[in-house]
Amino acid sequence: MTERKKFTLEFSLSREIAGILRDRILHGEYGIGEQLKENRIAGELRVSRTPVREAFKILEDEGLVEYRKNRGCFAQGITRQDIEDIYAVRKALEGLAVEWACRHMTPDYVQRLTDHCDLMDFYAGREDASQVLELNEGFHDIIYEAAGSRFMARVLRSYKGYIRMNRRNVFYEEKNLREISAEHKAIRDALAAGDEEAARQAMSRHLDESRRRAEASLARME
């Protein structure tokens, strides 16, 4: 086996293990503050410690675990305060991003945003939350790109893991998915019209509703 192929297989295994541990954390099988023991997990999953260690790093980037010096890896989960913090930061940064994007909007950007909205509608009708959320992320990526700032894009993408962590913790039903689709259409319409204030307000409403959905799901799990 070549070194490249070996690395690819190990990386894939680490992601698979991270997915298993992520689900356990988000479903409360590991409590907040509970230690994740590398040896025990490796033995349970019948793998070496190396991919488990790499899986911990993936989860640390997502904010789901925390390494404590000389103590090990501990589950973090997500709290109501985390949700408040995530959306406070998002409103500040993405409000600015959508204003900047408005100044650089082109027919191509509008079409790409429209394509995402149309597909969100389609998958919302099928109650396919995973596809809607993937399109949601792509929609925001287009806005980051259109904002025209490499620094802004880098800052916004640096907390993607926290956003994904929060989305995975939300219970979605068709009503929620339809709401998400409609909120993105409002942002798209404001951007297409070149209205910076309307775009900022539409983004703010979307993030307020996203926070409300996240808090409702957390309350349901408590």
N, C-alpha and C. Protein backbone atom coordinates (compact mmCIF):
# COMPACT_ATOMS: atom_id res chain seq x y z
N MET A 1 0.84 -1.20 0.00
CA MET A 1 0.00 0.00 0.00
C MET A 1 0.88 1.25 0.00
N THR A 2 0.59 2.21 -0.87
CA THR A 2 1.36 3.45 -0.92
C THR A 2 1.05 4.29 0.31
N GLU A 3 2.00 5.20 0.64
CA GLU A 3 1.80 6.09 1.77
C GLU A 3 0.56 6.96 1.58
N ARG A 4 0.32 7.41 0.32
CA ARG A 4 -0.83 8.26 0.03
C ARG A 4 -2.14 7.53 0.30
N LYS A 5 -2.21 6.26 -0.16
CA LYS A 5 -3.43 5.48 0.03
C LYS A 5 -3.64 5.19 1.52
N LYS A 6 -2.56 4.89 2.23
CA LYS A 6 -2.64 4.61 3.66
C LYS A 6 -3.16 5.84 4.40
N PHE A 7 -2.66 7.02 4.04
CA PHE A 7 -3.11 8.25 4.68
C PHE A 7 -4.59 8.49 4.43
N THR A 8 -5.04 8.24 3.18
CA THR A 8 -6.44 8.45 2.81
C THR A 8 -7.35 7.53 3.62
N LEU A 9 -6.95 6.27 3.77
CA LEU A 9 -7.76 5.31 4.53
C LEU A 9 -7.82 5.69 6.01
N GLU A 10 -6.68 6.11 6.56
CA GLU A 10 -6.64 6.50 7.97
C GLU A 10 -7.50 7.74 8.22
N PHE A 11 -7.45 8.69 7.28
CA PHE A 11 -8.25 9.91 7.41
C PHE A 11 -9.73 9.58 7.35
N SER A 12 -10.11 8.68 6.43
CA SER A 12 -11.50 8.26 6.30
C SER A 12 -11.98 7.57 7.58
N LEU A 13 -11.13 6.74 8.17
CA LEU A 13 -11.49 6.05 9.40
C LEU A 13 -11.66 7.05 10.55
N SER A 14 -10.78 8.02 10.60
CA SER A 14 -10.88 9.04 11.65
C SER A 14 -12.19 9.81 11.54
N ARG A 15 -12.59 10.14 10.32
CA ARG A 15 -13.86 10.86 10.11
C ARG A 15 -15.04 9.98 10.52
N GLU A 16 -14.95 8.70 10.22
CA GLU A 16 -16.03 7.77 10.60
C GLU A 16 -16.16 7.68 12.12
N ILE A 17 -15.03 7.57 12.79
CA ILE A 17 -15.03 7.52 14.26
C ILE A 17 -15.56 8.83 14.83
N ALA A 18 -15.13 9.95 14.23
CA ALA A 18 -15.62 11.26 14.69
C ALA A 18 -17.14 11.33 14.56
N GLY A 19 -17.69 10.77 13.48
CA GLY A 19 -19.14 10.77 13.29
C GLY A 19 -19.86 9.99 14.37
N ILE A 20 -19.30 8.84 14.75
CA ILE A 20 -19.89 8.01 15.81
C ILE A 20 -19.87 8.77 17.14
N LEU A 21 -18.73 9.36 17.47
CA LEU A 21 -18.60 10.07 18.74
C LEU A 21 -19.45 11.33 18.75
N ARG A 22 -19.53 12.01 17.59
CA ARG A 22 -20.35 13.22 17.48
C ARG A 22 -21.81 12.91 17.80
N ASP A 23 -22.32 11.84 17.21
CA ASP A 23 -23.71 11.46 17.46
C ASP A 23 -23.94 11.15 18.94
N ARG A 24 -22.99 10.49 19.56
CA ARG A 24 -23.12 10.15 20.97
C ARG A 24 -23.16 11.40 21.85
N ILE A 25 -22.31 12.36 21.52
CA ILE A 25 -22.28 13.60 22.30
C ILE A 25 -23.58 14.38 22.13
N LEU A 26 -24.02 14.52 20.89
CA LEU A 26 -25.21 15.32 20.62
C LEU A 26 -26.50 14.65 21.10
N HIS A 27 -26.47 13.34 21.26
CA HIS A 27 -27.64 12.63 21.78
C HIS A 27 -27.54 12.35 23.27
N GLY A 28 -26.55 12.95 23.90
CA GLY A 28 -26.45 12.86 25.36
C GLY A 28 -25.88 11.58 25.91
N GLU A 29 -25.32 10.72 25.05
CA GLU A 29 -24.73 9.48 25.55
C GLU A 29 -23.44 9.77 26.34
N TYR A 30 -22.76 10.85 25.95
CA TYR A 30 -21.67 11.38 26.76
C TYR A 30 -22.16 12.69 27.35
N GLY A 31 -22.12 12.82 28.65
CA GLY A 31 -22.56 14.06 29.27
C GLY A 31 -21.51 15.15 29.13
N ILE A 32 -21.94 16.40 29.25
CA ILE A 32 -21.00 17.52 29.19
C ILE A 32 -20.02 17.38 30.35
N GLY A 33 -18.74 17.42 30.03
CA GLY A 33 -17.69 17.27 31.04
C GLY A 33 -17.22 15.85 31.23
N GLU A 34 -17.87 14.89 30.56
CA GLU A 34 -17.45 13.49 30.71
C GLU A 34 -16.19 13.22 29.89
N GLN A 35 -15.28 12.47 30.46
CA GLN A 35 -14.03 12.17 29.76
C GLN A 35 -14.24 11.09 28.71
N LEU A 36 -13.67 11.32 27.52
CA LEU A 36 -13.67 10.33 26.45
C LEU A 36 -12.31 9.62 26.51
N LYS A 37 -12.33 8.36 26.88
CA LYS A 37 -11.08 7.63 27.08
C LYS A 37 -10.64 6.96 25.79
N GLU A 38 -9.47 7.37 25.34
CA GLU A 38 -8.93 6.92 24.06
C GLU A 38 -8.82 5.40 23.98
N ASN A 39 -8.25 4.78 25.02
CA ASN A 39 -8.07 3.32 25.02
C ASN A 39 -9.39 2.58 24.96
N ARG A 40 -10.36 3.04 25.74
CA ARG A 40 -11.66 2.38 25.80
C ARG A 40 -12.38 2.46 24.45
N ILE A 41 -12.36 3.65 23.84
CA ILE A 41 -13.04 3.84 22.55
C ILE A 41 -12.35 3.01 21.46
N ALA A 42 -11.01 3.01 21.48
CA ALA A 42 -10.27 2.21 20.49
C ALA A 42 -10.61 0.73 20.62
N GLY A 43 -10.69 0.24 21.86
CA GLY A 43 -11.02 -1.16 22.08
C GLY A 43 -12.44 -1.48 21.66
N GLU A 44 -13.37 -0.59 22.00
CA GLU A 44 -14.77 -0.80 21.65
C GLU A 44 -14.98 -0.86 20.14
N LEU A 45 -14.30 0.06 19.41
CA LEU A 45 -14.47 0.13 17.96
C LEU A 45 -13.49 -0.77 17.20
N ARG A 46 -12.60 -1.42 17.96
CA ARG A 46 -11.63 -2.34 17.37
C ARG A 46 -10.72 -1.65 16.34
N VAL A 47 -10.18 -0.54 16.77
CA VAL A 47 -9.24 0.22 15.94
C VAL A 47 -8.04 0.58 16.82
N SER A 48 -6.99 1.08 16.18
CA SER A 48 -5.84 1.54 16.96
C SER A 48 -6.16 2.90 17.58
N ARG A 49 -5.29 3.35 18.45
CA ARG A 49 -5.53 4.63 19.13
C ARG A 49 -5.33 5.83 18.19
N THR A 50 -4.52 5.64 17.13
CA THR A 50 -4.22 6.78 16.24
C THR A 50 -5.46 7.40 15.60
N PRO A 51 -6.35 6.64 14.94
CA PRO A 51 -7.53 7.27 14.34
C PRO A 51 -8.49 7.85 15.38
N VAL A 52 -8.49 7.27 16.60
CA VAL A 52 -9.32 7.83 17.67
C VAL A 52 -8.79 9.21 18.06
N ARG A 53 -7.46 9.29 18.17
CA ARG A 53 -6.82 10.56 18.51
C ARG A 53 -7.11 11.62 17.43
N GLU A 54 -7.07 11.20 16.17
CA GLU A 54 -7.37 12.13 15.07
C GLU A 54 -8.84 12.53 15.08
N ALA A 55 -9.72 11.58 15.45
CA ALA A 55 -11.15 11.89 15.56
C ALA A 55 -11.38 12.94 16.64
N PHE A 56 -10.65 12.83 17.75
CA PHE A 56 -10.76 13.83 18.82
C PHE A 56 -10.40 15.23 18.29
N LYS A 57 -9.38 15.30 17.43
CA LYS A 57 -8.96 16.60 16.88
C LYS A 57 -10.06 17.20 16.00
N ILE A 58 -10.73 16.33 15.22
CA ILE A 58 -11.84 16.80 14.37
C ILE A 58 -12.94 17.38 15.25
N LEU A 59 -13.28 16.67 16.32
CA LEU A 59 -14.35 17.11 17.22
C LEU A 59 -13.94 18.35 18.00
N GLU A 60 -12.65 18.47 18.29
CA GLU A 60 -12.17 19.67 18.98
C GLU A 60 -12.35 20.89 18.09
N ASP A 61 -12.07 20.75 16.79
CA ASP A 61 -12.27 21.85 15.84
C ASP A 61 -13.74 22.26 15.76
N GLU A 62 -14.65 21.31 16.00
CA GLU A 62 -16.08 21.59 15.95
C GLU A 62 -16.61 22.09 17.29
N GLY A 63 -15.74 22.12 18.29
CA GLY A 63 -16.16 22.60 19.60
C GLY A 63 -16.90 21.57 20.44
N LEU A 64 -16.86 20.31 20.00
CA LEU A 64 -17.61 19.27 20.71
C LEU A 64 -16.82 18.61 21.83
N VAL A 65 -15.50 18.72 21.77
CA VAL A 65 -14.68 18.20 22.86
C VAL A 65 -13.62 19.23 23.21
N GLU A 66 -13.03 19.05 24.38
CA GLU A 66 -11.98 19.96 24.84
C GLU A 66 -10.83 19.14 25.40
N TYR A 67 -9.62 19.49 24.95
CA TYR A 67 -8.44 18.85 25.53
C TYR A 67 -8.00 19.65 26.76
N ARG A 68 -7.79 18.95 27.86
CA ARG A 68 -7.31 19.60 29.08
C ARG A 68 -5.92 19.05 29.39
N LYS A 69 -4.99 19.94 29.57
CA LYS A 69 -3.59 19.56 29.73
C LYS A 69 -3.42 18.53 30.84
N ASN A 70 -2.73 17.45 30.49
CA ASN A 70 -2.40 16.35 31.42
C ASN A 70 -3.63 15.63 31.98
N ARG A 71 -4.80 15.89 31.38
CA ARG A 71 -6.01 15.24 31.89
C ARG A 71 -6.75 14.44 30.82
N GLY A 72 -6.68 14.88 29.56
CA GLY A 72 -7.33 14.13 28.50
C GLY A 72 -8.40 14.92 27.76
N CYS A 73 -9.30 14.18 27.11
CA CYS A 73 -10.31 14.76 26.23
C CYS A 73 -11.69 14.65 26.89
N PHE A 74 -12.43 15.76 26.89
CA PHE A 74 -13.72 15.79 27.57
C PHE A 74 -14.82 16.31 26.64
N ALA A 75 -16.01 15.69 26.75
CA ALA A 75 -17.15 16.10 25.93
C ALA A 75 -17.61 17.50 26.32
N GLN A 76 -17.96 18.29 25.33
CA GLN A 76 -18.43 19.64 25.57
C GLN A 76 -19.93 19.78 25.30
N GLY A 77 -20.40 19.15 24.20
CA GLY A 77 -21.80 19.32 23.85
C GLY A 77 -22.09 20.77 23.48
N ILE A 78 -23.33 21.18 23.64
CA ILE A 78 -23.70 22.56 23.35
C ILE A 78 -24.68 23.04 24.40
N THR A 79 -24.49 24.25 24.89
CA THR A 79 -25.33 24.82 25.94
C THR A 79 -26.12 26.00 25.38
N ARG A 80 -27.08 26.46 26.17
CA ARG A 80 -27.86 27.63 25.76
C ARG A 80 -26.95 28.85 25.58
N GLN A 81 -25.94 28.97 26.45
CA GLN A 81 -25.00 30.09 26.31
C GLN A 81 -24.21 29.99 25.02
N ASP A 82 -23.83 28.76 24.63
CA ASP A 82 -23.12 28.56 23.36
C ASP A 82 -23.98 29.07 22.20
N ILE A 83 -25.25 28.72 22.22
CA ILE A 83 -26.17 29.13 21.15
C ILE A 83 -26.25 30.65 21.09
N GLU A 84 -26.41 31.29 22.24
CA GLU A 84 -26.48 32.75 22.28
C GLU A 84 -25.20 33.37 21.72
N ASP A 85 -24.05 32.81 22.10
CA ASP A 85 -22.76 33.34 21.65
C ASP A 85 -22.58 33.16 20.14
N ILE A 86 -22.91 31.95 19.66
CA ILE A 86 -22.76 31.66 18.23
C ILE A 86 -23.55 32.65 17.39
N TYR A 87 -24.80 32.89 17.78
CA TYR A 87 -25.65 33.76 16.95
C TYR A 87 -25.35 35.24 17.14
N ALA A 88 -24.83 35.63 18.30
CA ALA A 88 -24.40 37.02 18.47
C ALA A 88 -23.23 37.33 17.53
N VAL A 89 -22.28 36.39 17.46
CA VAL A 89 -21.12 36.56 16.57
C VAL A 89 -21.58 36.53 15.11
N ARG A 90 -22.45 35.58 14.77
CA ARG A 90 -22.92 35.47 13.39
C ARG A 90 -23.65 36.74 12.93
N LYS A 91 -24.50 37.28 13.80
CA LYS A 91 -25.26 38.49 13.41
C LYS A 91 -24.32 39.65 13.11
N ALA A 92 -23.29 39.80 13.93
CA ALA A 92 -22.35 40.90 13.72
C ALA A 92 -21.57 40.72 12.42
N LEU A 93 -20.99 39.52 12.24
CA LEU A 93 -20.12 39.29 11.09
C LEU A 93 -20.90 39.10 9.79
N GLU A 94 -21.98 38.31 9.83
CA GLU A 94 -22.69 38.04 8.59
C GLU A 94 -23.56 39.23 8.17
N GLY A 95 -23.92 40.08 9.12
CA GLY A 95 -24.60 41.33 8.74
C GLY A 95 -23.68 42.20 7.91
N LEU A 96 -22.42 42.29 8.33
CA LEU A 96 -21.43 43.05 7.57
C LEU A 96 -21.14 42.37 6.23
N ALA A 97 -21.02 41.04 6.25
CA ALA A 97 -20.72 40.29 5.02
C ALA A 97 -21.80 40.50 3.97
N VAL A 98 -23.07 40.49 4.38
CA VAL A 98 -24.14 40.61 3.41
C VAL A 98 -24.20 42.03 2.84
N GLU A 99 -23.82 43.02 3.64
CA GLU A 99 -23.74 44.40 3.13
C GLU A 99 -22.64 44.51 2.07
N TRP A 100 -21.49 43.95 2.37
CA TRP A 100 -20.38 43.99 1.41
C TRP A 100 -20.74 43.20 0.15
N ALA A 101 -21.40 42.07 0.33
CA ALA A 101 -21.81 41.26 -0.82
C ALA A 101 -22.76 42.04 -1.72
N CYS A 102 -23.61 42.85 -1.10
CA CYS A 102 -24.58 43.65 -1.86
C CYS A 102 -23.86 44.61 -2.82
N ARG A 103 -22.72 45.13 -2.39
CA ARG A 103 -21.97 46.08 -3.21
C ARG A 103 -21.27 45.40 -4.38
N HIS A 104 -21.10 44.07 -4.30
CA HIS A 104 -20.39 43.34 -5.35
C HIS A 104 -21.29 42.33 -6.07
N MET A 105 -22.60 42.48 -5.87
CA MET A 105 -23.52 41.50 -6.44
C MET A 105 -23.52 41.60 -7.96
N THR A 106 -23.52 40.43 -8.61
CA THR A 106 -23.56 40.33 -10.07
C THR A 106 -24.69 39.39 -10.46
N PRO A 107 -25.11 39.39 -11.73
CA PRO A 107 -26.15 38.44 -12.17
C PRO A 107 -25.76 36.98 -11.89
N ASP A 108 -24.47 36.67 -12.01
CA ASP A 108 -24.02 35.30 -11.75
C ASP A 108 -24.22 34.93 -10.29
N TYR A 109 -23.87 35.83 -9.37
CA TYR A 109 -24.08 35.55 -7.95
C TYR A 109 -25.57 35.38 -7.66
N VAL A 110 -26.39 36.26 -8.23
CA VAL A 110 -27.84 36.18 -8.00
C VAL A 110 -28.37 34.84 -8.50
N GLN A 111 -27.89 34.38 -9.66
CA GLN A 111 -28.36 33.11 -10.20
C GLN A 111 -27.94 31.94 -9.31
N ARG A 112 -26.72 32.00 -8.82
CA ARG A 112 -26.25 30.91 -7.94
C ARG A 112 -27.06 30.88 -6.64
N LEU A 113 -27.37 32.04 -6.10
CA LEU A 113 -28.19 32.10 -4.90
C LEU A 113 -29.60 31.59 -5.18
N THR A 114 -30.13 31.95 -6.35
CA THR A 114 -31.46 31.50 -6.75
C THR A 114 -31.50 29.99 -6.91
N ASP A 115 -30.46 29.43 -7.52
CA ASP A 115 -30.39 27.97 -7.69
C ASP A 115 -30.42 27.27 -6.33
N HIS A 116 -29.70 27.83 -5.38
CA HIS A 116 -29.70 27.24 -4.03
C HIS A 116 -31.08 27.34 -3.39
N CYS A 117 -31.74 28.48 -3.57
CA CYS A 117 -33.09 28.66 -3.01
C CYS A 117 -34.07 27.66 -3.62
N ASP A 118 -34.00 27.48 -4.93
CA ASP A 118 -34.90 26.55 -5.61
C ASP A 118 -34.71 25.12 -5.11
N LEU A 119 -33.44 24.74 -4.95
CA LEU A 119 -33.15 23.39 -4.46
C LEU A 119 -33.57 23.23 -2.99
N MET A 120 -33.40 24.29 -2.19
CA MET A 120 -33.87 24.23 -0.80
C MET A 120 -35.37 23.97 -0.76
N ASP A 121 -36.11 24.66 -1.62
CA ASP A 121 -37.56 24.46 -1.70
C ASP A 121 -37.89 23.01 -2.04
N PHE A 122 -37.17 22.49 -3.01
CA PHE A 122 -37.41 21.11 -3.47
C PHE A 122 -37.18 20.11 -2.33
N TYR A 123 -36.04 20.23 -1.65
CA TYR A 123 -35.70 19.27 -0.61
C TYR A 123 -36.51 19.51 0.68
N ALA A 124 -36.95 20.76 0.90
CA ALA A 124 -37.83 21.01 2.04
C ALA A 124 -39.13 20.25 1.86
N GLY A 125 -39.63 20.23 0.62
CA GLY A 125 -40.85 19.48 0.32
C GLY A 125 -40.71 18.00 0.55
N ARG A 126 -39.49 17.51 0.44
CA ARG A 126 -39.22 16.08 0.67
C ARG A 126 -38.79 15.81 2.11
N GLU A 127 -38.77 16.88 2.92
CA GLU A 127 -38.36 16.78 4.33
C GLU A 127 -36.94 16.20 4.45
N ASP A 128 -36.09 16.59 3.51
CA ASP A 128 -34.70 16.13 3.52
C ASP A 128 -33.83 17.20 4.18
N ALA A 129 -33.75 17.12 5.51
CA ALA A 129 -33.04 18.15 6.27
C ALA A 129 -31.57 18.24 5.90
N SER A 130 -30.91 17.10 5.67
CA SER A 130 -29.47 17.11 5.39
C SER A 130 -29.16 17.89 4.11
N GLN A 131 -30.00 17.71 3.08
CA GLN A 131 -29.78 18.44 1.82
C GLN A 131 -30.07 19.93 1.99
N VAL A 132 -31.15 20.26 2.71
CA VAL A 132 -31.48 21.67 2.94
C VAL A 132 -30.34 22.36 3.68
N LEU A 133 -29.78 21.70 4.69
CA LEU A 133 -28.71 22.31 5.48
C LEU A 133 -27.41 22.43 4.69
N GLU A 134 -27.16 21.46 3.82
CA GLU A 134 -25.99 21.56 2.96
C GLU A 134 -26.12 22.75 2.00
N LEU A 135 -27.32 22.93 1.44
CA LEU A 135 -27.58 24.07 0.55
C LEU A 135 -27.53 25.38 1.32
N ASN A 136 -28.01 25.35 2.55
CA ASN A 136 -27.94 26.52 3.42
C ASN A 136 -26.49 26.97 3.57
N GLU A 137 -25.62 26.01 3.86
CA GLU A 137 -24.20 26.33 4.01
C GLU A 137 -23.61 26.88 2.71
N GLY A 138 -23.98 26.27 1.59
CA GLY A 138 -23.49 26.75 0.30
C GLY A 138 -23.96 28.16 -0.01
N PHE A 139 -25.20 28.47 0.35
CA PHE A 139 -25.76 29.81 0.15
C PHE A 139 -24.91 30.85 0.89
N HIS A 140 -24.60 30.56 2.14
CA HIS A 140 -23.79 31.50 2.93
C HIS A 140 -22.37 31.60 2.37
N ASP A 141 -21.84 30.49 1.85
CA ASP A 141 -20.51 30.54 1.23
C ASP A 141 -20.48 31.49 0.03
N ILE A 142 -21.56 31.52 -0.74
CA ILE A 142 -21.64 32.43 -1.89
C ILE A 142 -21.60 33.88 -1.41
N ILE A 143 -22.29 34.15 -0.32
CA ILE A 143 -22.28 35.50 0.24
C ILE A 143 -20.88 35.87 0.71
N TYR A 144 -20.19 34.94 1.38
CA TYR A 144 -18.82 35.22 1.82
C TYR A 144 -17.93 35.54 0.61
N GLU A 145 -18.11 34.76 -0.45
CA GLU A 145 -17.32 34.97 -1.67
C GLU A 145 -17.62 36.34 -2.28
N ALA A 146 -18.91 36.66 -2.37
CA ALA A 146 -19.32 37.92 -2.99
C ALA A 146 -18.90 39.13 -2.17
N ALA A 147 -18.71 38.95 -0.87
CA ALA A 147 -18.29 40.08 -0.02
C ALA A 147 -16.94 40.62 -0.49
N GLY A 148 -16.15 39.75 -1.13
CA GLY A 148 -14.91 40.21 -1.77
C GLY A 148 -13.74 40.43 -0.84
N SER A 149 -13.81 39.86 0.37
CA SER A 149 -12.72 40.03 1.32
C SER A 149 -12.19 38.67 1.74
N ARG A 150 -10.93 38.41 1.43
CA ARG A 150 -10.33 37.13 1.83
C ARG A 150 -10.28 37.02 3.35
N PHE A 151 -10.02 38.14 4.02
CA PHE A 151 -9.95 38.13 5.48
C PHE A 151 -11.31 37.80 6.07
N MET A 152 -12.36 38.45 5.55
CA MET A 152 -13.72 38.19 6.03
C MET A 152 -14.08 36.72 5.82
N ALA A 153 -13.80 36.19 4.64
CA ALA A 153 -14.13 34.79 4.34
C ALA A 153 -13.40 33.85 5.30
N ARG A 154 -12.14 34.17 5.59
CA ARG A 154 -11.35 33.32 6.49
C ARG A 154 -11.93 33.34 7.90
N VAL A 155 -12.30 34.52 8.37
CA VAL A 155 -12.89 34.64 9.71
C VAL A 155 -14.21 33.89 9.79
N LEU A 156 -15.08 34.09 8.80
CA LEU A 156 -16.39 33.43 8.82
C LEU A 156 -16.27 31.92 8.75
N ARG A 157 -15.36 31.44 7.92
CA ARG A 157 -15.22 29.98 7.79
C ARG A 157 -14.55 29.35 9.00
N SER A 158 -13.86 30.16 9.80
CA SER A 158 -13.15 29.62 10.96
C SER A 158 -14.12 29.08 12.01
N TYR A 159 -15.36 29.55 12.02
CA TYR A 159 -16.30 29.04 13.02
C TYR A 159 -17.37 28.15 12.40
N LYS A 160 -17.09 27.65 11.19
CA LYS A 160 -18.03 26.74 10.54
C LYS A 160 -18.31 25.51 11.38
N GLY A 161 -17.29 24.99 12.04
CA GLY A 161 -17.47 23.80 12.85
C GLY A 161 -18.52 24.02 13.93
N TYR A 162 -18.50 25.20 14.55
CA TYR A 162 -19.47 25.50 15.59
C TYR A 162 -20.88 25.59 15.01
N ILE A 163 -21.00 26.15 13.79
CA ILE A 163 -22.31 26.26 13.15
C ILE A 163 -22.84 24.86 12.84
N ARG A 164 -21.97 24.00 12.29
CA ARG A 164 -22.40 22.63 11.97
C ARG A 164 -22.80 21.89 13.24
N MET A 165 -22.03 22.08 14.30
CA MET A 165 -22.35 21.43 15.56
C MET A 165 -23.74 21.85 16.02
N ASN A 166 -24.04 23.13 15.92
CA ASN A 166 -25.34 23.64 16.35
C ASN A 166 -26.46 23.09 15.48
N ARG A 167 -26.25 23.04 14.15
CA ARG A 167 -27.29 22.54 13.26
C ARG A 167 -27.61 21.08 13.53
N ARG A 168 -26.58 20.29 13.84
CA ARG A 168 -26.81 18.87 14.10
C ARG A 168 -27.66 18.65 15.34
N ASN A 169 -27.70 19.66 16.20
CA ASN A 169 -28.42 19.53 17.46
C ASN A 169 -29.87 19.99 17.34
N VAL A 170 -30.27 20.44 16.14
CA VAL A 170 -31.61 20.98 15.95
C VAL A 170 -32.53 19.92 15.34
N PHE A 171 -33.73 19.85 15.90
CA PHE A 171 -34.75 18.95 15.34
C PHE A 171 -35.47 19.69 14.22
N TYR A 172 -35.46 19.12 13.02
CA TYR A 172 -36.09 19.77 11.87
C TYR A 172 -37.32 18.99 11.43
N GLU A 173 -38.40 19.72 11.18
CA GLU A 173 -39.59 19.15 10.57
C GLU A 173 -39.89 19.98 9.32
N GLU A 174 -40.87 19.58 8.53
CA GLU A 174 -41.11 20.25 7.25
C GLU A 174 -41.34 21.75 7.44
N LYS A 175 -42.08 22.14 8.49
CA LYS A 175 -42.34 23.55 8.75
C LYS A 175 -41.04 24.33 8.91
N ASN A 176 -40.10 23.77 9.68
CA ASN A 176 -38.81 24.43 9.86
C ASN A 176 -38.07 24.59 8.54
N LEU A 177 -38.08 23.54 7.73
CA LEU A 177 -37.35 23.56 6.47
C LEU A 177 -37.95 24.58 5.51
N ARG A 178 -39.27 24.69 5.51
CA ARG A 178 -39.94 25.70 4.67
C ARG A 178 -39.57 27.11 5.13
N GLU A 179 -39.49 27.28 6.44
CA GLU A 179 -39.11 28.59 7.00
C GLU A 179 -37.70 28.96 6.56
N ILE A 180 -36.78 28.00 6.65
CA ILE A 180 -35.39 28.24 6.26
C ILE A 180 -35.32 28.65 4.79
N SER A 181 -36.05 27.95 3.95
CA SER A 181 -36.07 28.26 2.52
C SER A 181 -36.58 29.68 2.28
N ALA A 182 -37.68 30.06 2.94
CA ALA A 182 -38.27 31.39 2.77
C ALA A 182 -37.32 32.48 3.26
N GLU A 183 -36.62 32.23 4.37
CA GLU A 183 -35.68 33.22 4.91
C GLU A 183 -34.54 33.47 3.92
N HIS A 184 -34.07 32.43 3.27
CA HIS A 184 -32.99 32.60 2.29
C HIS A 184 -33.48 33.33 1.04
N LYS A 185 -34.71 33.11 0.67
CA LYS A 185 -35.27 33.84 -0.49
C LYS A 185 -35.32 35.34 -0.20
N ALA A 186 -35.66 35.70 1.04
CA ALA A 186 -35.71 37.12 1.40
C ALA A 186 -34.33 37.75 1.32
N ILE A 187 -33.31 37.01 1.75
CA ILE A 187 -31.93 37.52 1.65
C ILE A 187 -31.56 37.67 0.17
N ARG A 188 -31.87 36.66 -0.63
CA ARG A 188 -31.57 36.70 -2.07
C ARG A 188 -32.25 37.88 -2.74
N ASP A 189 -33.51 38.12 -2.41
CA ASP A 189 -34.26 39.22 -3.03
C ASP A 189 -33.63 40.57 -2.71
N ALA A 190 -33.21 40.75 -1.46
CA ALA A 190 -32.58 42.02 -1.06
C ALA A 190 -31.24 42.22 -1.76
N LEU A 191 -30.48 41.15 -1.88
CA LEU A 191 -29.20 41.23 -2.58
C LEU A 191 -29.40 41.53 -4.06
N ALA A 192 -30.38 40.88 -4.67
CA ALA A 192 -30.66 41.11 -6.09
C ALA A 192 -31.10 42.55 -6.34
N ALA A 193 -31.78 43.15 -5.35
CA ALA A 193 -32.25 44.53 -5.48
C ALA A 193 -31.16 45.55 -5.14
N GLY A 194 -30.03 45.05 -4.61
CA GLY A 194 -28.94 45.96 -4.25
C GLY A 194 -29.24 46.79 -3.02
N ASP A 195 -30.13 46.32 -2.16
CA ASP A 195 -30.56 47.06 -0.97
C ASP A 195 -29.79 46.55 0.26
N GLU A 196 -28.76 47.28 0.65
CA GLU A 196 -27.90 46.84 1.74
C GLU A 196 -28.65 46.72 3.06
N GLU A 197 -29.48 47.71 3.38
CA GLU A 197 -30.20 47.69 4.65
C GLU A 197 -31.20 46.53 4.71
N ALA A 198 -31.91 46.31 3.59
CA ALA A 198 -32.87 45.20 3.54
C ALA A 198 -32.14 43.86 3.65
N ALA A 199 -30.95 43.78 3.04
CA ALA A 199 -30.17 42.54 3.10
C ALA A 199 -29.72 42.26 4.53
N ARG A 200 -29.24 43.30 5.22
CA ARG A 200 -28.81 43.12 6.61
C ARG A 200 -30.00 42.71 7.48
N GLN A 201 -31.15 43.35 7.28
CA GLN A 201 -32.32 43.01 8.08
C GLN A 201 -32.79 41.58 7.81
N ALA A 202 -32.77 41.18 6.54
CA ALA A 202 -33.18 39.81 6.19
C ALA A 202 -32.24 38.79 6.81
N MET A 203 -30.94 39.08 6.79
CA MET A 203 -29.97 38.18 7.42
C MET A 203 -30.19 38.12 8.93
N SER A 204 -30.46 39.28 9.53
CA SER A 204 -30.70 39.33 10.96
C SER A 204 -31.93 38.51 11.36
N ARG A 205 -33.00 38.63 10.57
CA ARG A 205 -34.21 37.86 10.86
C ARG A 205 -33.95 36.36 10.74
N HIS A 206 -33.20 35.99 9.70
CA HIS A 206 -32.87 34.58 9.48
C HIS A 206 -32.08 34.03 10.67
N LEU A 207 -31.10 34.78 11.15
CA LEU A 207 -30.28 34.30 12.25
C LEU A 207 -31.06 34.29 13.56
N ASP A 208 -31.97 35.25 13.75
CA ASP A 208 -32.83 35.23 14.93
C ASP A 208 -33.70 33.98 14.94
N GLU A 209 -34.25 33.64 13.78
CA GLU A 209 -35.10 32.45 13.68
C GLU A 209 -34.28 31.18 13.85
N SER A 210 -33.06 31.18 13.32
CA SER A 210 -32.18 30.02 13.49
C SER A 210 -31.86 29.80 14.96
N ARG A 211 -31.61 30.91 15.67
CA ARG A 211 -31.35 30.81 17.12
C ARG A 211 -32.57 30.27 17.85
N ARG A 212 -33.75 30.76 17.48
CA ARG A 212 -34.99 30.30 18.12
C ARG A 212 -35.18 28.80 17.91
N ARG A 213 -34.93 28.32 16.67
CA ARG A 213 -35.07 26.89 16.39
C ARG A 213 -34.08 26.07 17.22
N ALA A 214 -32.85 26.58 17.33
CA ALA A 214 -31.82 25.87 18.09
C ALA A 214 -32.19 25.81 19.57
N GLU A 215 -32.68 26.92 20.12
CA GLU A 215 -33.05 26.95 21.53
C GLU A 215 -34.24 26.03 21.81
N ALA A 216 -35.20 26.00 20.88
CA ALA A 216 -36.37 25.12 21.04
C ALA A 216 -35.96 23.66 21.05
N SER A 217 -35.01 23.30 20.19
CA SER A 217 -34.54 21.92 20.14
C SER A 217 -33.78 21.56 21.40
N LEU A 218 -32.99 22.50 21.89
CA LEU A 218 -32.23 22.23 23.12
C LEU A 218 -33.19 22.02 24.29
N ALA A 219 -34.24 22.85 24.35
CA ALA A 219 -35.24 22.72 25.42
C ALA A 219 -35.93 21.37 25.35
N ARG A 220 -36.17 20.90 24.14
CA ARG A 220 -36.83 19.60 23.95
C ARG A 220 -35.97 18.45 24.48
N MET A 221 -34.64 18.63 24.37
CA MET A 221 -33.72 17.58 24.78
C MET A 221 -33.42 17.61 26.28
N GLU A 222 -33.70 18.74 26.92
CA GLU A 222 -33.36 18.88 28.35
C GLU A 222 -34.34 18.09 29.23
